[in-house]
Amino acid sequence: MLSWFKKYWQNTPGLNWMIILTGMAFGILGILLVTWGNPTNTGICASCFLEGIAGALGLHTNVRMMYLRPELIGIVLGSFILALSTKGFSARGGASPLISFTLGIFTIVGSAMFMGCPVKLVYRLTSGDLTTLAGVVGLLAGVWVGVRFMREGFFLGDPGEQKTLNGLLLPIGAGVLLVFLLVKPGFIQFSTRGSGSIYAPWYISLGVGLTLGGLAQRSRFCIVGGLRNFFLAKDKSLLTGVFFMIMFAFITALVTNQFNPGMFDQPGSHFDHIWNFWGMFLTGYAAVLLGGCPLRQMVLAGEGDVDAGTSITGMLLAAALVHNWGLASSTAGPTFNGKIAVLIGILFCLVLSLIHRE
């Protein structure tokens, strides 16, 4: 086994211990967050947690989804702190801001259909939720389609140098949200029931977010990015990190008695496999065009990427719209409005892929 791994390491350019360590940390800490108090099968989820943040800010009225999730705040700040300390912070962007904003919207629309982002997909899968299998296939298909258009010249444009303040705005915003979480001003709302009221202690969640944000900034870890690089150039370095995330999440779920295999009685899931597929297809497709999954966008925004900050703004808007417009799925299944929104998102990505090529 050791000789095989040594050979694999030597034959995988770009693979390093930081990628493997990041995958291990995402796998272990994400599952442990559930034992520490987060909702079952939801260690970290960009879409679910953004919905909670949108609700806490009063952007939607679903009383079950209102909490300023420290994990996402920590991921942005962890990336920011490490980027600053290693001189990796650089304000850049401006290539296609409105397109980045719109793609950010549709990554959350797809995730809301599936009831989770690609990171939560891994946690649900490794905890035994077999309803995720259609989503896994959908994610792979969406990434593959996006890569096909990349090969044909899809490109959003080269980012330009920006004033430093542009790159600082999103980390500053994350810091403000952290203050709101601690001070709890009257205009910030918190759920008293539902998933928004289920969470680990804030200091644990923040610590996990800071750790994962810093590691991901150094390793460039991304689930969609790993699949994209493999489909595009047979590059297995980032995908190896994803494999270690899956392996250690599964082991941790077993050790902590969170592994519950089956399709029935799985929290935060539904049985409409067709729309599980199309939801993750849209998320994977849009994320490839955008340059990374929602959590990767948060890491990029922490190191000064203005386009990533713009996409996160779109994601936050979408996190409100999926509730205000009835787009989000529930355990009862997807809504009609949600299906239409996913189809519109896929059509938008297809048209964009066809006309935005060099």
Protein backbone atom coordinates (compact mmCIF):
# COMPACT_ATOMS: atom_id res chain seq x y z
CA MET A 1 0.00 0.00 0.00
CA LEU A 2 2.79 2.39 0.93
CA SER A 3 4.69 1.68 -2.29
CA TRP A 4 1.51 2.23 -4.32
CA PHE A 5 0.91 5.59 -2.66
CA LYS A 6 4.53 6.62 -3.21
CA LYS A 7 4.21 5.78 -6.90
CA TYR A 8 0.88 7.62 -7.12
CA TRP A 9 2.47 10.68 -5.49
CA GLN A 10 5.36 10.66 -7.94
CA ASN A 11 3.00 10.32 -10.91
CA THR A 12 0.64 13.11 -9.81
CA PRO A 13 2.17 16.53 -10.55
CA GLY A 14 0.93 19.26 -8.22
CA LEU A 15 -0.04 16.89 -5.42
CA ASN A 16 1.24 17.97 -2.01
CA TRP A 17 0.56 17.36 1.66
CA MET A 18 -1.47 20.56 1.97
CA ILE A 19 -4.08 19.25 -0.48
CA ILE A 20 -4.32 15.97 1.39
CA LEU A 21 -4.43 17.69 4.80
CA THR A 22 -7.22 20.02 3.62
CA GLY A 23 -9.29 17.10 2.35
CA MET A 24 -8.79 15.25 5.64
CA ALA A 25 -9.75 18.35 7.64
CA PHE A 26 -12.93 18.93 5.63
CA GLY A 27 -13.89 15.28 6.06
CA ILE A 28 -13.25 15.05 9.79
CA LEU A 29 -14.35 18.49 10.98
CA GLY A 30 -17.48 18.60 8.84
CA ILE A 31 -18.80 15.37 10.38
CA LEU A 32 -17.71 16.38 13.88
CA LEU A 33 -19.69 19.61 13.61
CA VAL A 34 -22.83 17.47 13.64
CA THR A 35 -21.75 15.79 16.89
CA TRP A 36 -21.07 19.26 18.28
CA GLY A 37 -24.57 20.48 17.46
CA ASN A 38 -25.12 21.17 13.74
CA PRO A 39 -28.10 19.62 11.91
CA THR A 40 -27.74 15.94 10.99
CA ASN A 41 -25.86 15.35 7.71
CA THR A 42 -25.09 19.08 7.54
CA GLY A 43 -21.60 19.71 8.80
CA ILE A 44 -21.05 22.60 6.42
CA CYS A 45 -23.27 23.70 3.53
CA ALA A 46 -22.77 26.92 1.60
CA SER A 47 -26.33 27.08 0.28
CA CYS A 48 -28.11 26.10 3.51
CA PHE A 49 -25.94 28.39 5.62
CA LEU A 50 -26.35 31.32 3.22
CA GLU A 51 -30.11 30.80 3.49
CA GLY A 52 -29.71 31.06 7.26
CA ILE A 53 -27.66 34.25 6.95
CA ALA A 54 -30.20 35.76 4.53
CA GLY A 55 -32.98 34.98 6.98
CA ALA A 56 -31.07 36.46 9.92
CA LEU A 57 -30.62 39.67 7.91
CA GLY A 58 -34.37 39.81 7.22
CA LEU A 59 -34.07 39.01 3.50
CA HIS A 60 -36.66 36.21 3.72
CA THR A 61 -39.37 35.25 6.21
CA ASN A 62 -38.82 31.52 6.71
CA VAL A 63 -38.56 31.44 10.50
CA ARG A 64 -36.86 28.03 10.37
CA MET A 65 -33.83 29.34 8.47
CA MET A 66 -32.44 32.31 10.42
CA TYR A 67 -28.92 32.12 11.88
CA LEU A 68 -25.61 33.87 11.15
CA ARG A 69 -23.58 30.72 10.52
CA PRO A 70 -20.03 31.23 11.91
CA GLU A 71 -18.62 28.51 9.62
CA LEU A 72 -19.01 30.64 6.48
CA ILE A 73 -17.83 33.77 8.28
CA GLY A 74 -14.76 31.82 9.43
CA ILE A 75 -13.99 30.46 5.96
CA VAL A 76 -13.84 33.98 4.49
CA LEU A 77 -11.83 35.37 7.42
CA GLY A 78 -9.53 32.34 7.57
CA SER A 79 -8.69 32.75 3.89
CA PHE A 80 -8.21 36.48 4.39
CA ILE A 81 -5.91 36.13 7.40
CA LEU A 82 -3.71 33.51 5.77
CA ALA A 83 -3.58 35.38 2.46
CA LEU A 84 -2.45 38.52 4.29
CA SER A 85 0.14 36.67 6.35
CA THR A 86 1.66 34.97 3.29
CA LYS A 87 1.39 38.04 1.04
CA GLY A 88 -1.18 36.23 -1.07
CA PHE A 89 -3.85 38.92 -0.78
CA SER A 90 -4.40 40.73 -4.05
CA ALA A 91 -7.39 42.83 -5.07
CA ARG A 92 -8.29 41.69 -8.58
CA GLY A 93 -11.37 41.22 -10.75
CA GLY A 94 -13.76 43.11 -12.98
CA ALA A 95 -13.77 40.64 -15.90
CA SER A 96 -17.51 39.85 -16.07
CA PRO A 97 -19.18 41.09 -12.89
CA LEU A 98 -22.84 40.73 -13.90
CA ILE A 99 -22.24 37.26 -15.30
CA SER A 100 -20.46 36.24 -12.08
CA PHE A 101 -23.39 37.66 -10.10
CA THR A 102 -25.93 35.70 -12.15
CA LEU A 103 -23.95 32.45 -12.07
CA GLY A 104 -23.77 32.86 -8.29
CA ILE A 105 -27.56 33.01 -8.21
CA PHE A 106 -27.96 29.81 -10.19
CA THR A 107 -25.42 27.81 -8.15
CA ILE A 108 -27.70 28.36 -5.15
CA VAL A 109 -30.89 27.69 -7.14
CA GLY A 110 -29.47 24.29 -8.13
CA SER A 111 -28.28 23.58 -4.58
CA ALA A 112 -31.68 24.52 -3.14
CA MET A 113 -33.30 22.01 -5.49
CA PHE A 114 -30.94 19.27 -4.23
CA MET A 115 -31.09 20.60 -0.64
CA GLY A 116 -27.36 21.11 -0.33
CA CYS A 117 -24.17 22.31 -2.03
CA PRO A 118 -21.42 19.95 -3.30
CA VAL A 119 -19.76 19.94 0.13
CA LYS A 120 -22.98 18.90 1.86
CA LEU A 121 -23.45 16.27 -0.86
CA VAL A 122 -20.25 14.60 0.40
CA TYR A 123 -21.40 14.72 4.02
CA ARG A 124 -24.82 13.32 3.15
CA LEU A 125 -23.29 10.57 1.02
CA THR A 126 -20.68 9.51 3.59
CA SER A 127 -23.36 9.47 6.30
CA GLY A 128 -25.29 6.90 4.26
CA ASP A 129 -27.90 9.04 2.49
CA LEU A 130 -28.46 7.12 -0.75
CA THR A 131 -30.78 9.80 -2.16
CA THR A 132 -27.57 11.69 -2.96
CA LEU A 133 -26.54 9.21 -5.67
CA ALA A 134 -28.61 10.97 -8.34
CA GLY A 135 -27.02 14.24 -7.22
CA VAL A 136 -23.53 12.75 -7.55
CA VAL A 137 -24.28 11.75 -11.15
CA GLY A 138 -25.80 15.18 -11.81
CA LEU A 139 -22.75 16.98 -10.43
CA LEU A 140 -20.40 14.90 -12.56
CA ALA A 141 -22.51 15.53 -15.65
CA GLY A 142 -22.73 19.27 -15.02
CA VAL A 143 -18.99 19.61 -14.51
CA TRP A 144 -18.33 17.51 -17.64
CA VAL A 145 -20.58 19.73 -19.77
CA GLY A 146 -18.93 22.86 -18.41
CA VAL A 147 -15.48 21.45 -19.19
CA ARG A 148 -16.55 20.66 -22.77
CA PHE A 149 -17.35 24.33 -23.30
CA MET A 150 -14.10 25.38 -21.63
CA ARG A 151 -12.27 23.30 -24.22
CA GLU A 152 -14.19 25.15 -26.91
CA GLY A 153 -12.95 28.50 -25.62
CA PHE A 154 -15.36 29.58 -22.88
CA PHE A 155 -13.66 32.30 -20.85
CA LEU A 156 -15.03 35.06 -18.65
CA GLY A 157 -11.99 37.26 -19.23
CA ASP A 158 -8.79 38.16 -17.45
CA PRO A 159 -9.22 39.87 -14.06
CA GLY A 160 -7.56 43.23 -13.71
CA GLU A 161 -5.88 44.88 -10.76
CA GLN A 162 -8.33 46.63 -8.44
CA LYS A 163 -8.05 49.18 -5.66
CA THR A 164 -7.30 47.39 -2.40
CA LEU A 165 -10.59 48.46 -0.81
CA ASN A 166 -12.53 46.46 -3.42
CA GLY A 167 -10.85 43.27 -2.24
CA LEU A 168 -11.35 44.16 1.42
CA LEU A 169 -15.09 44.71 1.28
CA LEU A 170 -16.20 41.09 1.59
CA PRO A 171 -13.79 40.21 4.45
CA ILE A 172 -14.96 43.39 6.19
CA GLY A 173 -18.56 42.29 5.64
CA ALA A 174 -17.75 38.90 7.18
CA GLY A 175 -16.26 40.70 10.18
CA VAL A 176 -19.41 42.79 10.57
CA LEU A 177 -21.56 39.64 10.51
CA LEU A 178 -19.38 38.16 13.26
CA VAL A 179 -19.98 41.26 15.38
CA PHE A 180 -23.73 40.93 14.74
CA LEU A 181 -23.59 37.28 15.81
CA LEU A 182 -21.89 38.16 19.10
CA VAL A 183 -23.79 41.36 19.92
CA LYS A 184 -27.19 40.18 18.60
CA PRO A 185 -28.68 43.58 17.70
CA GLY A 186 -32.46 43.76 17.52
CA PHE A 187 -32.61 43.86 13.71
CA ILE A 188 -30.88 40.47 13.40
CA GLN A 189 -33.30 37.54 13.62
CA PHE A 190 -32.59 34.07 15.03
CA SER A 191 -34.69 30.94 14.60
CA THR A 192 -36.23 29.34 17.67
CA ARG A 193 -37.23 26.17 15.79
CA GLY A 194 -36.18 24.30 12.67
CA SER A 195 -32.68 23.86 11.29
CA GLY A 196 -31.79 27.49 11.97
CA SER A 197 -32.04 26.80 15.70
CA ILE A 198 -29.72 23.77 15.55
CA TYR A 199 -26.06 24.66 15.67
CA ALA A 200 -22.75 23.96 17.36
CA PRO A 201 -21.34 26.54 19.81
CA TRP A 202 -20.35 29.62 17.85
CA TYR A 203 -16.69 29.53 18.90
CA ILE A 204 -16.33 25.92 17.70
CA SER A 205 -18.03 26.68 14.38
CA LEU A 206 -15.92 29.80 13.91
CA GLY A 207 -12.73 27.91 14.73
CA VAL A 208 -13.59 25.20 12.20
CA GLY A 209 -14.36 27.83 9.57
CA LEU A 210 -11.10 29.69 10.19
CA THR A 211 -9.13 26.45 9.97
CA LEU A 212 -10.79 25.24 6.77
CA GLY A 213 -10.66 28.68 5.16
CA GLY A 214 -6.94 28.97 5.81
CA LEU A 215 -6.20 25.44 4.58
CA ALA A 216 -8.33 25.87 1.46
CA GLN A 217 -6.60 29.16 0.67
CA ARG A 218 -3.21 27.48 0.73
CA SER A 219 -4.23 24.29 -1.10
CA ARG A 220 -6.84 25.74 -3.54
CA PHE A 221 -9.13 22.88 -2.47
CA CYS A 222 -12.44 22.67 -4.35
CA ILE A 223 -14.71 19.72 -5.13
CA VAL A 224 -15.87 21.14 -8.47
CA GLY A 225 -12.33 22.29 -9.23
CA GLY A 226 -10.97 18.81 -8.63
CA LEU A 227 -13.49 17.27 -11.03
CA ARG A 228 -12.93 20.05 -13.57
CA ASN A 229 -9.16 19.61 -13.58
CA PHE A 230 -9.49 15.86 -14.00
CA PHE A 231 -11.95 16.11 -16.89
CA LEU A 232 -9.99 18.93 -18.49
CA ALA A 233 -6.40 17.73 -18.19
CA LYS A 234 -6.42 14.43 -16.25
CA ASP A 235 -4.94 16.39 -13.33
CA LYS A 236 -5.58 14.31 -10.19
CA SER A 237 -3.99 16.59 -7.58
CA LEU A 238 -7.11 18.43 -6.35
CA LEU A 239 -9.25 15.34 -6.90
CA THR A 240 -6.99 13.46 -4.50
CA GLY A 241 -7.93 15.98 -1.81
CA VAL A 242 -11.60 15.31 -2.55
CA PHE A 243 -10.96 11.57 -2.22
CA PHE A 244 -9.36 12.09 1.20
CA MET A 245 -12.31 14.24 2.24
CA ILE A 246 -14.72 11.44 1.29
CA MET A 247 -12.62 8.75 2.97
CA PHE A 248 -12.14 10.59 6.26
CA ALA A 249 -15.73 11.83 6.37
CA PHE A 250 -16.88 8.21 6.00
CA ILE A 251 -14.50 6.99 8.71
CA THR A 252 -15.55 9.79 11.06
CA ALA A 253 -19.23 9.09 10.42
CA LEU A 254 -18.65 5.44 11.32
CA VAL A 255 -16.70 6.25 14.49
CA THR A 256 -19.29 8.79 15.68
CA ASN A 257 -22.27 6.54 14.84
CA GLN A 258 -23.57 8.93 12.20
CA PHE A 259 -23.52 6.39 9.37
CA ASN A 260 -27.13 5.48 8.63
CA PRO A 261 -27.35 3.87 5.18
CA GLY A 262 -30.61 4.00 3.23
CA MET A 263 -33.01 6.26 1.36
CA PHE A 264 -35.75 6.51 3.95
CA ASP A 265 -35.75 8.73 7.03
CA GLN A 266 -32.77 10.73 5.77
CA PRO A 267 -32.87 14.32 7.08
CA GLY A 268 -32.73 17.19 4.60
CA SER A 269 -33.49 15.10 1.52
CA HIS A 270 -36.27 14.15 -0.87
CA PHE A 271 -36.99 11.22 -3.17
CA ASP A 272 -37.35 13.01 -6.51
CA HIS A 273 -34.17 11.62 -8.04
CA ILE A 274 -34.73 13.31 -11.40
CA TRP A 275 -34.66 16.74 -9.83
CA ASN A 276 -31.84 15.80 -7.48
CA PHE A 277 -29.92 15.11 -10.69
CA TRP A 278 -30.87 18.36 -12.41
CA GLY A 279 -30.28 20.46 -9.30
CA MET A 280 -26.70 19.25 -8.93
CA PHE A 281 -26.25 19.37 -12.71
CA LEU A 282 -27.01 23.10 -12.64
CA THR A 283 -24.77 23.69 -9.63
CA GLY A 284 -21.85 21.82 -11.21
CA TYR A 285 -22.31 23.47 -14.61
CA ALA A 286 -22.60 27.01 -13.20
CA ALA A 287 -19.70 26.46 -10.78
CA VAL A 288 -17.37 25.39 -13.60
CA LEU A 289 -18.25 28.50 -15.61
CA LEU A 290 -17.78 30.58 -12.47
CA GLY A 291 -14.42 29.04 -11.57
CA GLY A 292 -15.31 27.07 -8.44
CA CYS A 293 -18.07 25.92 -6.10
CA PRO A 294 -19.68 28.30 -3.57
CA LEU A 295 -17.16 27.55 -0.80
CA ARG A 296 -14.27 28.07 -3.23
CA GLN A 297 -15.75 31.47 -4.11
CA MET A 298 -15.68 32.40 -0.41
CA VAL A 299 -12.03 31.43 -0.16
CA LEU A 300 -11.22 33.45 -3.29
CA ALA A 301 -13.13 36.45 -1.96
CA GLY A 302 -11.10 36.24 1.24
CA GLU A 303 -7.88 36.61 -0.73
CA GLY A 304 -9.14 39.65 -2.65
CA ASP A 305 -10.98 38.27 -5.70
CA VAL A 306 -13.64 40.88 -6.44
CA ASP A 307 -15.45 38.67 -8.99
CA ALA A 308 -15.79 35.98 -6.32
CA GLY A 309 -17.21 38.62 -3.97
CA THR A 310 -19.70 39.58 -6.69
CA SER A 311 -20.76 35.94 -7.13
CA ILE A 312 -21.27 35.60 -3.36
CA THR A 313 -23.53 38.66 -3.45
CA GLY A 314 -25.58 36.83 -6.09
CA MET A 315 -25.61 33.73 -3.91
CA LEU A 316 -26.89 35.69 -0.92
CA LEU A 317 -29.67 37.18 -3.05
CA ALA A 318 -30.56 33.70 -4.31
CA ALA A 319 -30.56 32.39 -0.73
CA ALA A 320 -33.38 34.84 -0.05
CA LEU A 321 -35.22 34.31 -3.34
CA VAL A 322 -35.43 30.52 -3.01
CA HIS A 323 -37.64 31.09 0.04
CA ASN A 324 -39.47 34.23 -1.03
CA TRP A 325 -40.37 32.73 -4.42
CA GLY A 326 -40.90 29.14 -3.29
CA LEU A 327 -37.94 27.69 -5.18
CA ALA A 328 -36.37 25.62 -2.40
CA SER A 329 -37.14 21.92 -2.10
CA SER A 330 -38.31 20.37 1.15
CA THR A 331 -38.60 16.81 2.43
CA ALA A 332 -41.89 16.71 0.53
CA GLY A 333 -40.00 17.23 -2.73
CA PRO A 334 -39.26 20.04 -5.20
CA THR A 335 -41.70 22.80 -6.00
CA PHE A 336 -43.02 23.69 -9.45
CA ASN A 337 -41.39 27.12 -9.19
CA GLY A 338 -38.10 25.47 -8.25
CA LYS A 339 -38.21 23.21 -11.32
CA ILE A 340 -38.81 26.18 -13.62
CA ALA A 341 -35.94 28.11 -11.99
CA VAL A 342 -33.54 25.19 -12.48
CA LEU A 343 -34.49 24.87 -16.15
CA ILE A 344 -34.00 28.63 -16.62
CA GLY A 345 -30.59 28.33 -14.96
CA ILE A 346 -29.51 25.50 -17.24
CA LEU A 347 -30.72 27.45 -20.29
CA PHE A 348 -28.80 30.54 -19.12
CA CYS A 349 -25.60 28.53 -18.68
CA LEU A 350 -26.03 26.93 -22.10
CA VAL A 351 -26.58 30.25 -23.89
CA LEU A 352 -23.70 31.82 -21.99
CA SER A 353 -21.42 28.90 -22.93
CA LEU A 354 -22.31 29.26 -26.60
CA ILE A 355 -21.88 33.02 -26.98
CA HIS A 356 -19.10 33.76 -24.47
CA ARG A 357 -16.30 31.90 -26.22
CA GLU A 358 -12.98 33.07 -27.58
